[in-house]
Amino acid sequence: MGTIVILPLAIVPMVLTIMSKMQTGAAFIAFLEFVAVFMVNYRWALRRVGQAVNRKSRKLKQS
């Protein structure tokens, strides 16, 4: 299951790098877009994990 998720995330930047080999401006824009996507996903994951931790701690406090 992990391969199904990780493989496209690894292949897309590689393909775009090969396609924009001679176009440094396009490569830089693609790089900035990947950084932005990573930051959004990272912040979403942190919030998601934080919610799960808070749920556990509330359950423990209620007992």
C-alpha atoms as a PDB file:
ATOM      1  CA  MET A   1       0.000   0.000   0.000  1.00  0.00           C
ATOM      2  CA  GLY A   2       2.862   2.358   0.800  1.00  0.00           C
ATOM      3  CA  THR A   3       4.361   1.861  -2.644  1.00  0.00           C
ATOM      4  CA  ILE A   4       1.108   2.913  -4.299  1.00  0.00           C
ATOM      5  CA  VAL A   5       1.212   6.219  -2.411  1.00  0.00           C
ATOM      6  CA  ILE A   6       4.953   6.937  -2.493  1.00  0.00           C
ATOM      7  CA  LEU A   7       5.799   5.941  -6.072  1.00  0.00           C
ATOM      8  CA  PRO A   8       3.779   8.675  -7.837  1.00  0.00           C
ATOM      9  CA  LEU A   9       5.103  11.248  -5.372  1.00  0.00           C
ATOM     10  CA  ALA A  10       8.654  10.253  -6.303  1.00  0.00           C
ATOM     11  CA  ILE A  11       8.161   9.847 -10.049  1.00  0.00           C
ATOM     12  CA  VAL A  12       6.394  13.137 -10.828  1.00  0.00           C
ATOM     13  CA  PRO A  13       9.329  15.392  -9.791  1.00  0.00           C
ATOM     14  CA  MET A  14      11.756  13.187 -11.707  1.00  0.00           C
ATOM     15  CA  VAL A  15       9.707  13.353 -14.898  1.00  0.00           C
ATOM     16  CA  LEU A  16       9.289  17.127 -14.612  1.00  0.00           C
ATOM     17  CA  THR A  17      13.037  17.505 -14.057  1.00  0.00           C
ATOM     18  CA  ILE A  18      13.808  15.599 -17.239  1.00  0.00           C
ATOM     19  CA  MET A  19      11.192  17.548 -19.201  1.00  0.00           C
ATOM     20  CA  SER A  20      12.475  20.950 -18.053  1.00  0.00           C
ATOM     21  CA  LYS A  21      16.177  20.111 -18.254  1.00  0.00           C
ATOM     22  CA  MET A  22      17.008  23.064 -20.497  1.00  0.00           C
ATOM     23  CA  GLN A  23      14.415  25.486 -19.093  1.00  0.00           C
ATOM     24  CA  THR A  24      15.771  26.723 -15.780  1.00  0.00           C
ATOM     25  CA  GLY A  25      12.888  29.145 -15.215  1.00  0.00           C
ATOM     26  CA  ALA A  26      10.290  26.400 -15.570  1.00  0.00           C
ATOM     27  CA  ALA A  27      12.343  24.076 -13.371  1.00  0.00           C
ATOM     28  CA  PHE A  28      12.547  26.720 -10.644  1.00  0.00           C
ATOM     29  CA  ILE A  29       8.790  27.332 -10.771  1.00  0.00           C
ATOM     30  CA  ALA A  30       8.161  23.580 -10.533  1.00  0.00           C
ATOM     31  CA  PHE A  31      10.544  23.417  -7.570  1.00  0.00           C
ATOM     32  CA  LEU A  32       8.666  26.204  -5.767  1.00  0.00           C
ATOM     33  CA  GLU A  33       5.358  24.460  -6.442  1.00  0.00           C
ATOM     34  CA  PHE A  34       6.657  21.196  -4.979  1.00  0.00           C
ATOM     35  CA  VAL A  35       7.924  23.042  -1.904  1.00  0.00           C
ATOM     36  CA  ALA A  36       4.503  24.653  -1.462  1.00  0.00           C
ATOM     37  CA  VAL A  37       2.684  21.321  -1.860  1.00  0.00           C
ATOM     38  CA  PHE A  38       5.042  19.707   0.649  1.00  0.00           C
ATOM     39  CA  MET A  39       4.500  22.492   3.192  1.00  0.00           C
ATOM     40  CA  VAL A  40       0.705  22.305   2.867  1.00  0.00           C
ATOM     41  CA  ASN A  41       0.711  18.521   3.241  1.00  0.00           C
ATOM     42  CA  TYR A  42       3.115  18.658   6.170  1.00  0.00           C
ATOM     43  CA  ARG A  43       1.001  21.196   8.054  1.00  0.00           C
ATOM     44  CA  TRP A  44      -2.150  19.179   7.322  1.00  0.00           C
ATOM     45  CA  ALA A  45      -0.488  16.017   8.640  1.00  0.00           C
ATOM     46  CA  LEU A  46       0.652  17.778  11.809  1.00  0.00           C
ATOM     47  CA  ARG A  47      -2.870  19.041  12.459  1.00  0.00           C
ATOM     48  CA  ARG A  48      -4.295  15.593  11.781  1.00  0.00           C
ATOM     49  CA  VAL A  49      -1.875  13.922  14.201  1.00  0.00           C
ATOM     50  CA  GLY A  50      -2.551  16.623  16.784  1.00  0.00           C
ATOM     51  CA  GLN A  51      -6.267  15.934  16.599  1.00  0.00           C
ATOM     52  CA  ALA A  52      -5.694  12.223  17.146  1.00  0.00           C
ATOM     53  CA  VAL A  53      -3.483  12.902  20.171  1.00  0.00           C
ATOM     54  CA  ASN A  54      -6.052  15.282  21.637  1.00  0.00           C
ATOM     55  CA  ARG A  55      -8.795  12.685  21.208  1.00  0.00           C
ATOM     56  CA  LYS A  56      -6.776  10.110  23.102  1.00  0.00           C
ATOM     57  CA  SER A  57      -5.960  12.473  25.939  1.00  0.00           C
ATOM     58  CA  ARG A  58      -9.623  13.497  26.325  1.00  0.00           C
ATOM     59  CA  LYS A  59     -10.660   9.859  26.557  1.00  0.00           C
ATOM     60  CA  LEU A  60      -8.070   9.239  29.230  1.00  0.00           C
ATOM     61  CA  LYS A  61      -9.168  12.276  31.255  1.00  0.00           C
ATOM     62  CA  GLN A  62     -12.822  11.185  31.179  1.00  0.00           C
ATOM     63  CA  SER A  63     -12.114   7.734  32.618  1.00  0.00           C
END
